[in-house]
Amino acid sequence: MAGQDLISVTQTRNPVSPKTVQKAIQGYGRRAGIEGVRCSPHTFGHMFATWWLRNGGDVFTLHRVLRHPSLEMVKRWLSLSTDDLQAAHRRWPPVDALR
C-alpha cells in the first residue's frame, strides 16, 4: 500500500484496502436487501455527486471533495444533473403556477 492514499485505518492503525471497503459495502447492500443496484464505492460516489448537484452544490467544490484528478467526470455528473432538471421542468413547467 506504499504510495497510495489511505481512505481509512483500523483501530490498530493498519491501512484499509480499497478492496476491503468494496467488500464491506457489498455486504451492507446484501444485508439491507438492496437488489438490482450495484453497491460499490463508485456507486456511493456517483450518488453523492448527483445528490450534491441536485441540491445546489457547486461543481468546483464537488471536484475537490471527490479528489478527481480532472473535472471531466464531475462535468459528466453535472450533465446528468442538468438532465434531471430538464425532466423536472417538463413535468412541472413554471407557467402552470401562473394559472
PDB file of N, CA and C in Angstrom:
ATOM      1  N   MET A   1       0.821  -1.181   0.000  1.00  0.00           N
ATOM      2  CA  MET A   1       0.000   0.000   0.000  1.00  0.00           C
ATOM      3  C   MET A   1       0.872   1.255   0.000  1.00  0.00           C
ATOM      4  N   ALA A   2       2.158   1.079  -0.106  1.00  0.00           N
ATOM      5  CA  ALA A   2       3.047   2.237  -0.120  1.00  0.00           C
ATOM      6  C   ALA A   2       2.758   3.097  -1.332  1.00  0.00           C
ATOM      7  N   GLY A   3       2.735   4.406  -1.128  1.00  0.00           N
ATOM      8  CA  GLY A   3       2.488   5.335  -2.212  1.00  0.00           C
ATOM      9  C   GLY A   3       1.025   5.592  -2.499  1.00  0.00           C
ATOM     10  N   GLN A   4       0.122   4.898  -1.816  1.00  0.00           N
ATOM     11  CA  GLN A   4      -1.309   5.104  -2.024  1.00  0.00           C
ATOM     12  C   GLN A   4      -1.873   5.956  -0.902  1.00  0.00           C
ATOM     13  N   ASP A   5      -2.907   6.731  -1.243  1.00  0.00           N
ATOM     14  CA  ASP A   5      -3.622   7.464  -0.206  1.00  0.00           C
ATOM     15  C   ASP A   5      -4.462   6.480   0.593  1.00  0.00           C
ATOM     16  N   LEU A   6      -4.431   6.618   1.890  1.00  0.00           N
ATOM     17  CA  LEU A   6      -5.267   5.769   2.733  1.00  0.00           C
ATOM     18  C   LEU A   6      -6.633   6.411   2.864  1.00  0.00           C
ATOM     19  N   ILE A   7      -7.676   5.602   2.706  1.00  0.00           N
ATOM     20  CA  ILE A   7      -9.012   6.142   2.888  1.00  0.00           C
ATOM     21  C   ILE A   7      -9.475   5.959   4.334  1.00  0.00           C
ATOM     22  N   SER A   8      -8.812   5.075   5.043  1.00  0.00           N
ATOM     23  CA  SER A   8      -9.170   4.823   6.430  1.00  0.00           C
ATOM     24  C   SER A   8      -8.098   3.935   7.048  1.00  0.00           C
ATOM     25  N   VAL A   9      -8.117   3.868   8.354  1.00  0.00           N
ATOM     26  CA  VAL A   9      -7.240   2.936   9.046  1.00  0.00           C
ATOM     27  C   VAL A   9      -8.050   2.198  10.098  1.00  0.00           C
ATOM     28  N   THR A  10      -7.564   1.032  10.483  1.00  0.00           N
ATOM     29  CA  THR A  10      -8.232   0.256  11.508  1.00  0.00           C
ATOM     30  C   THR A  10      -7.886   0.818  12.890  1.00  0.00           C
ATOM     31  N   GLN A  11      -8.497   0.256  13.914  1.00  0.00           N
ATOM     32  CA  GLN A  11      -8.198   0.682  15.280  1.00  0.00           C
ATOM     33  C   GLN A  11      -6.739   0.442  15.635  1.00  0.00           C
ATOM     34  N   THR A  12      -6.133  -0.517  14.970  1.00  0.00           N
ATOM     35  CA  THR A  12      -4.713  -0.802  15.223  1.00  0.00           C
ATOM     36  C   THR A  12      -3.808  -0.029  14.261  1.00  0.00           C
ATOM     37  N   ARG A  13      -4.375   0.942  13.580  1.00  0.00           N
ATOM     38  CA  ARG A  13      -3.668   1.842  12.667  1.00  0.00           C
ATOM     39  C   ARG A  13      -3.137   1.152  11.407  1.00  0.00           C
ATOM     40  N   ASN A  14      -3.703   0.036  11.046  1.00  0.00           N
ATOM     41  CA  ASN A  14      -3.348  -0.626   9.795  1.00  0.00           C
ATOM     42  C   ASN A  14      -4.204  -0.048   8.671  1.00  0.00           C
ATOM     43  N   PRO A  15      -3.652   0.069   7.474  1.00  0.00           N
ATOM     44  CA  PRO A  15      -4.440   0.618   6.370  1.00  0.00           C
ATOM     45  C   PRO A  15      -5.577  -0.312   5.957  1.00  0.00           C
ATOM     46  N   VAL A  16      -6.648   0.267   5.516  1.00  0.00           N
ATOM     47  CA  VAL A  16      -7.774  -0.483   4.981  1.00  0.00           C
ATOM     48  C   VAL A  16      -7.681  -0.384   3.460  1.00  0.00           C
ATOM     49  N   SER A  17      -7.655  -1.519   2.803  1.00  0.00           N
ATOM     50  CA  SER A  17      -7.506  -1.513   1.348  1.00  0.00           C
ATOM     51  C   SER A  17      -8.828  -1.140   0.674  1.00  0.00           C
ATOM     52  N   PRO A  18      -8.750  -0.606  -0.532  1.00  0.00           N
ATOM     53  CA  PRO A  18      -9.973  -0.323  -1.287  1.00  0.00           C
ATOM     54  C   PRO A  18     -10.836  -1.574  -1.473  1.00  0.00           C
ATOM     55  N   LYS A  19     -10.204  -2.734  -1.660  1.00  0.00           N
ATOM     56  CA  LYS A  19     -10.953  -3.990  -1.830  1.00  0.00           C
ATOM     57  C   LYS A  19     -11.755  -4.321  -0.571  1.00  0.00           C
ATOM     58  N   THR A  20     -11.178  -4.063   0.610  1.00  0.00           N
ATOM     59  CA  THR A  20     -11.878  -4.306   1.866  1.00  0.00           C
ATOM     60  C   THR A  20     -13.113  -3.422   1.964  1.00  0.00           C
ATOM     61  N   VAL A  21     -12.966  -2.165   1.578  1.00  0.00           N
ATOM     62  CA  VAL A  21     -14.104  -1.233   1.605  1.00  0.00           C
ATOM     63  C   VAL A  21     -15.175  -1.695   0.626  1.00  0.00           C
ATOM     64  N   GLN A  22     -14.757  -2.104  -0.559  1.00  0.00           N
ATOM     65  CA  GLN A  22     -15.709  -2.566  -1.565  1.00  0.00           C
ATOM     66  C   GLN A  22     -16.498  -3.768  -1.064  1.00  0.00           C
ATOM     67  N   LYS A  23     -15.819  -4.735  -0.470  1.00  0.00           N
ATOM     68  CA  LYS A  23     -16.498  -5.922   0.056  1.00  0.00           C
ATOM     69  C   LYS A  23     -17.460  -5.563   1.188  1.00  0.00           C
ATOM     70  N   ALA A  24     -17.055  -4.622   2.042  1.00  0.00           N
ATOM     71  CA  ALA A  24     -17.928  -4.201   3.147  1.00  0.00           C
ATOM     72  C   ALA A  24     -19.205  -3.555   2.605  1.00  0.00           C
ATOM     73  N   ILE A  25     -19.073  -2.692   1.623  1.00  0.00           N
ATOM     74  CA  ILE A  25     -20.250  -2.021   1.057  1.00  0.00           C
ATOM     75  C   ILE A  25     -21.164  -3.029   0.373  1.00  0.00           C
ATOM     76  N   GLN A  26     -20.600  -3.987  -0.342  1.00  0.00           N
ATOM     77  CA  GLN A  26     -21.419  -5.032  -0.965  1.00  0.00           C
ATOM     78  C   GLN A  26     -22.172  -5.837   0.093  1.00  0.00           C
ATOM     79  N   GLY A  27     -21.495  -6.144   1.189  1.00  0.00           N
ATOM     80  CA  GLY A  27     -22.147  -6.870   2.283  1.00  0.00           C
ATOM     81  C   GLY A  27     -23.270  -6.068   2.909  1.00  0.00           C
ATOM     82  N   TYR A  28     -23.055  -4.762   3.108  1.00  0.00           N
ATOM     83  CA  TYR A  28     -24.122  -3.908   3.653  1.00  0.00           C
ATOM     84  C   TYR A  28     -25.324  -3.884   2.718  1.00  0.00           C
ATOM     85  N   GLY A  29     -25.054  -3.837   1.423  1.00  0.00           N
ATOM     86  CA  GLY A  29     -26.143  -3.840   0.441  1.00  0.00           C
ATOM     87  C   GLY A  29     -26.949  -5.123   0.496  1.00  0.00           C
ATOM     88  N   ARG A  30     -26.256  -6.262   0.606  1.00  0.00           N
ATOM     89  CA  ARG A  30     -26.959  -7.550   0.712  1.00  0.00           C
ATOM     90  C   ARG A  30     -27.811  -7.597   1.973  1.00  0.00           C
ATOM     91  N   ARG A  31     -27.208  -7.182   3.117  1.00  0.00           N
ATOM     92  CA  ARG A  31     -27.953  -7.212   4.378  1.00  0.00           C
ATOM     93  C   ARG A  31     -29.146  -6.261   4.372  1.00  0.00           C
ATOM     94  N   ALA A  32     -29.034  -5.172   3.619  1.00  0.00           N
ATOM     95  CA  ALA A  32     -30.139  -4.212   3.532  1.00  0.00           C
ATOM     96  C   ALA A  32     -31.204  -4.667   2.535  1.00  0.00           C
ATOM     97  N   GLY A  33     -30.921  -5.754   1.812  1.00  0.00           N
ATOM     98  CA  GLY A  33     -31.889  -6.270   0.848  1.00  0.00           C
ATOM     99  C   GLY A  33     -31.935  -5.475  -0.448  1.00  0.00           C
ATOM    100  N   ILE A  34     -30.868  -4.757  -0.751  1.00  0.00           N
ATOM    101  CA  ILE A  34     -30.818  -3.967  -1.984  1.00  0.00           C
ATOM    102  C   ILE A  34     -30.547  -4.908  -3.147  1.00  0.00           C
ATOM    103  N   GLU A  35     -31.431  -4.873  -4.141  1.00  0.00           N
ATOM    104  CA  GLU A  35     -31.288  -5.735  -5.309  1.00  0.00           C
ATOM    105  C   GLU A  35     -31.398  -4.908  -6.571  1.00  0.00           C
ATOM    106  N   GLY A  36     -30.730  -5.345  -7.625  1.00  0.00           N
ATOM    107  CA  GLY A  36     -30.825  -4.677  -8.913  1.00  0.00           C
ATOM    108  C   GLY A  36     -30.017  -3.396  -9.017  1.00  0.00           C
ATOM    109  N   VAL A  37     -29.234  -3.093  -7.994  1.00  0.00           N
ATOM    110  CA  VAL A  37     -28.382  -1.904  -7.997  1.00  0.00           C
ATOM    111  C   VAL A  37     -27.012  -2.329  -7.497  1.00  0.00           C
ATOM    112  N   ARG A  38     -25.981  -1.885  -8.181  1.00  0.00           N
ATOM    113  CA  ARG A  38     -24.614  -2.219  -7.764  1.00  0.00           C
ATOM    114  C   ARG A  38     -24.270  -1.416  -6.513  1.00  0.00           C
ATOM    115  N   CYS A  39     -23.909  -2.075  -5.455  1.00  0.00           N
ATOM    116  CA  CYS A  39     -23.466  -1.414  -4.220  1.00  0.00           C
ATOM    117  C   CYS A  39     -21.942  -1.423  -4.221  1.00  0.00           C
ATOM    118  N   SER A  40     -21.364  -0.256  -4.428  1.00  0.00           N
ATOM    119  CA  SER A  40     -19.909  -0.155  -4.513  1.00  0.00           C
ATOM    120  C   SER A  40     -19.482   1.250  -4.108  1.00  0.00           C
ATOM    121  N   PRO A  41     -18.215   1.433  -3.805  1.00  0.00           N
ATOM    122  CA  PRO A  41     -17.727   2.786  -3.518  1.00  0.00           C
ATOM    123  C   PRO A  41     -17.983   3.743  -4.683  1.00  0.00           C
ATOM    124  N   HIS A  42     -17.841   3.249  -5.922  1.00  0.00           N
ATOM    125  CA  HIS A  42     -18.100   4.097  -7.081  1.00  0.00           C
ATOM    126  C   HIS A  42     -19.560   4.552  -7.112  1.00  0.00           C
ATOM    127  N   THR A  43     -20.476   3.609  -6.842  1.00  0.00           N
ATOM    128  CA  THR A  43     -21.893   3.955  -6.831  1.00  0.00           C
ATOM    129  C   THR A  43     -22.185   4.972  -5.740  1.00  0.00           C
ATOM    130  N   PHE A  44     -21.584   4.798  -4.572  1.00  0.00           N
ATOM    131  CA  PHE A  44     -21.770   5.776  -3.490  1.00  0.00           C
ATOM    132  C   PHE A  44     -21.265   7.147  -3.920  1.00  0.00           C
ATOM    133  N   GLY A  45     -20.105   7.179  -4.574  1.00  0.00           N
ATOM    134  CA  GLY A  45     -19.565   8.449  -5.053  1.00  0.00           C
ATOM    135  C   GLY A  45     -20.487   9.099  -6.075  1.00  0.00           C
ATOM    136  N   HIS A  46     -21.017   8.291  -6.988  1.00  0.00           N
ATOM    137  CA  HIS A  46     -21.938   8.801  -8.002  1.00  0.00           C
ATOM    138  C   HIS A  46     -23.214   9.342  -7.360  1.00  0.00           C
ATOM    139  N   MET A  47     -23.763   8.580  -6.422  1.00  0.00           N
ATOM    140  CA  MET A  47     -24.989   9.020  -5.744  1.00  0.00           C
ATOM    141  C   MET A  47     -24.739  10.309  -4.965  1.00  0.00           C
ATOM    142  N   PHE A  48     -23.598  10.389  -4.285  1.00  0.00           N
ATOM    143  CA  PHE A  48     -23.268  11.601  -3.541  1.00  0.00           C
ATOM    144  C   PHE A  48     -23.154  12.789  -4.483  1.00  0.00           C
ATOM    145  N   ALA A  49     -22.440  12.599  -5.612  1.00  0.00           N
ATOM    146  CA  ALA A  49     -22.250  13.693  -6.561  1.00  0.00           C
ATOM    147  C   ALA A  49     -23.584  14.160  -7.135  1.00  0.00           C
ATOM    148  N   THR A  50     -24.441  13.219  -7.486  1.00  0.00           N
ATOM    149  CA  THR A  50     -25.750  13.570  -8.018  1.00  0.00           C
ATOM    150  C   THR A  50     -26.567  14.328  -6.977  1.00  0.00           C
ATOM    151  N   TRP A  51     -26.572  13.826  -5.744  1.00  0.00           N
ATOM    152  CA  TRP A  51     -27.302  14.493  -4.659  1.00  0.00           C
ATOM    153  C   TRP A  51     -26.757  15.897  -4.446  1.00  0.00           C
ATOM    154  N   TRP A  52     -25.435  16.033  -4.418  1.00  0.00           N
ATOM    155  CA  TRP A  52     -24.773  17.325  -4.214  1.00  0.00           C
ATOM    156  C   TRP A  52     -25.247  18.344  -5.255  1.00  0.00           C
ATOM    157  N   LEU A  53     -25.191  17.935  -6.529  1.00  0.00           N
ATOM    158  CA  LEU A  53     -25.549  18.849  -7.600  1.00  0.00           C
ATOM    159  C   LEU A  53     -27.043  19.153  -7.619  1.00  0.00           C
ATOM    160  N   ARG A  54     -27.878  18.147  -7.351  1.00  0.00           N
ATOM    161  CA  ARG A  54     -29.331  18.382  -7.313  1.00  0.00           C
ATOM    162  C   ARG A  54     -29.719  19.350  -6.204  1.00  0.00           C
ATOM    163  N   ASN A  55     -28.909  19.412  -5.171  1.00  0.00           N
ATOM    164  CA  ASN A  55     -29.232  20.264  -4.031  1.00  0.00           C
ATOM    165  C   ASN A  55     -28.451  21.576  -4.025  1.00  0.00           C
ATOM    166  N   GLY A  56     -27.953  21.960  -5.186  1.00  0.00           N
ATOM    167  CA  GLY A  56     -27.348  23.276  -5.330  1.00  0.00           C
ATOM    168  C   GLY A  56     -25.861  23.357  -5.076  1.00  0.00           C
ATOM    169  N   GLY A  57     -25.190  22.233  -4.847  1.00  0.00           N
ATOM    170  CA  GLY A  57     -23.746  22.262  -4.643  1.00  0.00           C
ATOM    171  C   GLY A  57     -23.034  22.658  -5.926  1.00  0.00           C
ATOM    172  N   ASP A  58     -21.903  23.302  -5.797  1.00  0.00           N
ATOM    173  CA  ASP A  58     -21.180  23.732  -7.000  1.00  0.00           C
ATOM    174  C   ASP A  58     -20.177  22.668  -7.440  1.00  0.00           C
ATOM    175  N   VAL A  59     -19.907  22.669  -8.728  1.00  0.00           N
ATOM    176  CA  VAL A  59     -19.086  21.643  -9.347  1.00  0.00           C
ATOM    177  C   VAL A  59     -17.622  21.733  -8.903  1.00  0.00           C
ATOM    178  N   PHE A  60     -17.129  22.926  -8.606  1.00  0.00           N
ATOM    179  CA  PHE A  60     -15.724  23.062  -8.225  1.00  0.00           C
ATOM    180  C   PHE A  60     -15.460  22.488  -6.827  1.00  0.00           C
ATOM    181  N   THR A  61     -16.376  22.740  -5.905  1.00  0.00           N
ATOM    182  CA  THR A  61     -16.227  22.163  -4.565  1.00  0.00           C
ATOM    183  C   THR A  61     -16.371  20.646  -4.632  1.00  0.00           C
ATOM    184  N   LEU A  62     -17.337  20.171  -5.430  1.00  0.00           N
ATOM    185  CA  LEU A  62     -17.512  18.728  -5.601  1.00  0.00           C
ATOM    186  C   LEU A  62     -16.238  18.100  -6.144  1.00  0.00           C
ATOM    187  N   HIS A  63     -15.616  18.742  -7.091  1.00  0.00           N
ATOM    188  CA  HIS A  63     -14.360  18.242  -7.656  1.00  0.00           C
ATOM    189  C   HIS A  63     -13.312  18.070  -6.565  1.00  0.00           C
ATOM    190  N   ARG A  64     -13.223  19.030  -5.677  1.00  0.00           N
ATOM    191  CA  ARG A  64     -12.229  18.949  -4.590  1.00  0.00           C
ATOM    192  C   ARG A  64     -12.610  17.895  -3.563  1.00  0.00           C
ATOM    193  N   VAL A  65     -13.900  17.788  -3.242  1.00  0.00           N
ATOM    194  CA  VAL A  65     -14.352  16.794  -2.257  1.00  0.00           C
ATOM    195  C   VAL A  65     -14.073  15.376  -2.762  1.00  0.00           C
ATOM    196  N   LEU A  66     -14.366  15.133  -4.031  1.00  0.00           N
ATOM    197  CA  LEU A  66     -14.177  13.800  -4.597  1.00  0.00           C
ATOM    198  C   LEU A  66     -12.725  13.511  -4.971  1.00  0.00           C
ATOM    199  N   ARG A  67     -11.906  14.548  -5.021  1.00  0.00           N
ATOM    200  CA  ARG A  67     -10.480  14.411  -5.317  1.00  0.00           C
ATOM    201  C   ARG A  67     -10.222  13.757  -6.669  1.00  0.00           C
ATOM    202  N   HIS A  68     -11.061  14.062  -7.664  1.00  0.00           N
ATOM    203  CA  HIS A  68     -10.810  13.572  -9.014  1.00  0.00           C
ATOM    204  C   HIS A  68      -9.638  14.341  -9.612  1.00  0.00           C
ATOM    205  N   PRO A  69      -8.806  13.672 -10.404  1.00  0.00           N
ATOM    206  CA  PRO A  69      -7.665  14.369 -10.994  1.00  0.00           C
ATOM    207  C   PRO A  69      -8.075  15.417 -12.032  1.00  0.00           C
ATOM    208  N   SER A  70      -9.263  15.278 -12.615  1.00  0.00           N
ATOM    209  CA  SER A  70      -9.713  16.261 -13.599  1.00  0.00           C
ATOM    210  C   SER A  70     -11.202  16.553 -13.372  1.00  0.00           C
ATOM    211  N   LEU A  71     -11.666  17.574 -14.030  1.00  0.00           N
ATOM    212  CA  LEU A  71     -13.081  17.948 -13.918  1.00  0.00           C
ATOM    213  C   LEU A  71     -13.970  17.136 -14.854  1.00  0.00           C
ATOM    214  N   GLU A  72     -13.405  16.300 -15.707  1.00  0.00           N
ATOM    215  CA  GLU A  72     -14.196  15.617 -16.732  1.00  0.00           C
ATOM    216  C   GLU A  72     -15.326  14.759 -16.158  1.00  0.00           C
ATOM    217  N   MET A  73     -15.045  13.923 -15.144  1.00  0.00           N
ATOM    218  CA  MET A  73     -16.105  13.088 -14.576  1.00  0.00           C
ATOM    219  C   MET A  73     -17.125  13.945 -13.848  1.00  0.00           C
ATOM    220  N   VAL A  74     -16.649  14.967 -13.172  1.00  0.00           N
ATOM    221  CA  VAL A  74     -17.565  15.856 -12.456  1.00  0.00           C
ATOM    222  C   VAL A  74     -18.474  16.563 -13.462  1.00  0.00           C
ATOM    223  N   LYS A  75     -17.928  16.952 -14.612  1.00  0.00           N
ATOM    224  CA  LYS A  75     -18.748  17.572 -15.660  1.00  0.00           C
ATOM    225  C   LYS A  75     -19.803  16.594 -16.166  1.00  0.00           C
ATOM    226  N   ARG A  76     -19.446  15.327 -16.237  1.00  0.00           N
ATOM    227  CA  ARG A  76     -20.417  14.312 -16.678  1.00  0.00           C
ATOM    228  C   ARG A  76     -21.580  14.229 -15.694  1.00  0.00           C
ATOM    229  N   TRP A  77     -21.255  14.228 -14.387  1.00  0.00           N
ATOM    230  CA  TRP A  77     -22.322  14.205 -13.389  1.00  0.00           C
ATOM    231  C   TRP A  77     -23.156  15.473 -13.466  1.00  0.00           C
ATOM    232  N   LEU A  78     -22.520  16.595 -13.767  1.00  0.00           N
ATOM    233  CA  LEU A  78     -23.240  17.853 -13.913  1.00  0.00           C
ATOM    234  C   LEU A  78     -24.229  17.755 -15.062  1.00  0.00           C
ATOM    235  N   SER A  79     -23.825  17.128 -16.171  1.00  0.00           N
ATOM    236  CA  SER A  79     -24.746  16.987 -17.306  1.00  0.00           C
ATOM    237  C   SER A  79     -25.906  16.070 -16.929  1.00  0.00           C
ATOM    238  N   LEU A  80     -25.644  15.035 -16.131  1.00  0.00           N
ATOM    239  CA  LEU A  80     -26.738  14.177 -15.670  1.00  0.00           C
ATOM    240  C   LEU A  80     -27.690  14.968 -14.786  1.00  0.00           C
ATOM    241  N   SER A  81     -27.147  15.813 -13.943  1.00  0.00           N
ATOM    242  CA  SER A  81     -27.975  16.634 -13.083  1.00  0.00           C
ATOM    243  C   SER A  81     -28.813  17.599 -13.918  1.00  0.00           C
ATOM    244  N   THR A  82     -28.230  18.150 -14.978  1.00  0.00           N
ATOM    245  CA  THR A  82     -28.960  19.047 -15.874  1.00  0.00           C
ATOM    246  C   THR A  82     -30.108  18.299 -16.530  1.00  0.00           C
ATOM    247  N   ASP A  83     -29.879  17.046 -16.913  1.00  0.00           N
ATOM    248  CA  ASP A  83     -30.959  16.230 -17.479  1.00  0.00           C
ATOM    249  C   ASP A  83     -32.092  16.075 -16.473  1.00  0.00           C
ATOM    250  N   ASP A  84     -31.763  15.860 -15.197  1.00  0.00           N
ATOM    251  CA  ASP A  84     -32.784  15.760 -14.145  1.00  0.00           C
ATOM    252  C   ASP A  84     -33.603  17.046 -14.073  1.00  0.00           C
ATOM    253  N   LEU A  85     -32.905  18.185 -14.138  1.00  0.00           N
ATOM    254  CA  LEU A  85     -33.591  19.469 -14.064  1.00  0.00           C
ATOM    255  C   LEU A  85     -34.518  19.669 -15.260  1.00  0.00           C
ATOM    256  N   GLN A  86     -34.059  19.297 -16.436  1.00  0.00           N
ATOM    257  CA  GLN A  86     -34.895  19.439 -17.622  1.00  0.00           C
ATOM    258  C   GLN A  86     -36.125  18.552 -17.542  1.00  0.00           C
ATOM    259  N   ALA A  87     -35.961  17.329 -17.041  1.00  0.00           N
ATOM    260  CA  ALA A  87     -37.103  16.419 -16.886  1.00  0.00           C
ATOM    261  C   ALA A  87     -38.102  16.984 -15.881  1.00  0.00           C
ATOM    262  N   ALA A  88     -37.605  17.529 -14.784  1.00  0.00           N
ATOM    263  CA  ALA A  88     -38.496  18.130 -13.783  1.00  0.00           C
ATOM    264  C   ALA A  88     -39.223  19.328 -14.372  1.00  0.00           C
ATOM    265  N   HIS A  89     -38.534  20.110 -15.174  1.00  0.00           N
ATOM    266  CA  HIS A  89     -39.158  21.277 -15.803  1.00  0.00           C
ATOM    267  C   HIS A  89     -40.290  20.849 -16.732  1.00  0.00           C
ATOM    268  N   ARG A  90     -40.082  19.755 -17.463  1.00  0.00           N
ATOM    269  CA  ARG A  90     -41.140  19.252 -18.346  1.00  0.00           C
ATOM    270  C   ARG A  90     -42.346  18.765 -17.545  1.00  0.00           C
ATOM    271  N   ARG A  91     -42.085  18.168 -16.378  1.00  0.00           N
ATOM    272  CA  ARG A  91     -43.194  17.674 -15.540  1.00  0.00           C
ATOM    273  C   ARG A  91     -43.969  18.798 -14.866  1.00  0.00           C
ATOM    274  N   TRP A  92     -43.252  19.821 -14.422  1.00  0.00           N
ATOM    275  CA  TRP A  92     -43.878  20.919 -13.684  1.00  0.00           C
ATOM    276  C   TRP A  92     -43.423  22.266 -14.246  1.00  0.00           C
ATOM    277  N   PRO A  93     -43.928  22.636 -15.419  1.00  0.00           N
ATOM    278  CA  PRO A  93     -43.493  23.893 -16.014  1.00  0.00           C
ATOM    279  C   PRO A  93     -43.898  25.094 -15.151  1.00  0.00           C
ATOM    280  N   PRO A  94     -43.033  26.108 -15.028  1.00  0.00           N
ATOM    281  CA  PRO A  94     -43.335  27.269 -14.197  1.00  0.00           C
ATOM    282  C   PRO A  94     -44.602  28.005 -14.625  1.00  0.00           C
ATOM    283  N   VAL A  95     -44.949  27.940 -15.909  1.00  0.00           N
ATOM    284  CA  VAL A  95     -46.142  28.621 -16.396  1.00  0.00           C
ATOM    285  C   VAL A  95     -47.397  28.078 -15.725  1.00  0.00           C
ATOM    286  N   ASP A  96     -47.392  26.773 -15.375  1.00  0.00           N
ATOM    287  CA  ASP A  96     -48.554  26.177 -14.716  1.00  0.00           C
ATOM    288  C   ASP A  96     -48.868  26.865 -13.392  1.00  0.00           C
ATOM    289  N   ALA A  97     -47.854  27.397 -12.735  1.00  0.00           N
ATOM    290  CA  ALA A  97     -48.080  28.071 -11.453  1.00  0.00           C
ATOM    291  C   ALA A  97     -48.803  29.401 -11.636  1.00  0.00           C
ATOM    292  N   LEU A  98     -48.815  29.939 -12.833  1.00  0.00           N
ATOM    293  CA  LEU A  98     -49.468  31.223 -13.091  1.00  0.00           C
ATOM    294  C   LEU A  98     -50.962  31.070 -13.336  1.00  0.00           C
ATOM    295  N   ARG A  99     -51.419  29.887 -13.582  1.00  0.00           N
ATOM    296  CA  ARG A  99     -52.839  29.664 -13.888  1.00  0.00           C
ATOM    297  C   ARG A  99     -53.683  29.719 -12.652  1.00  0.00           C
TER     298      ARG A  99
END
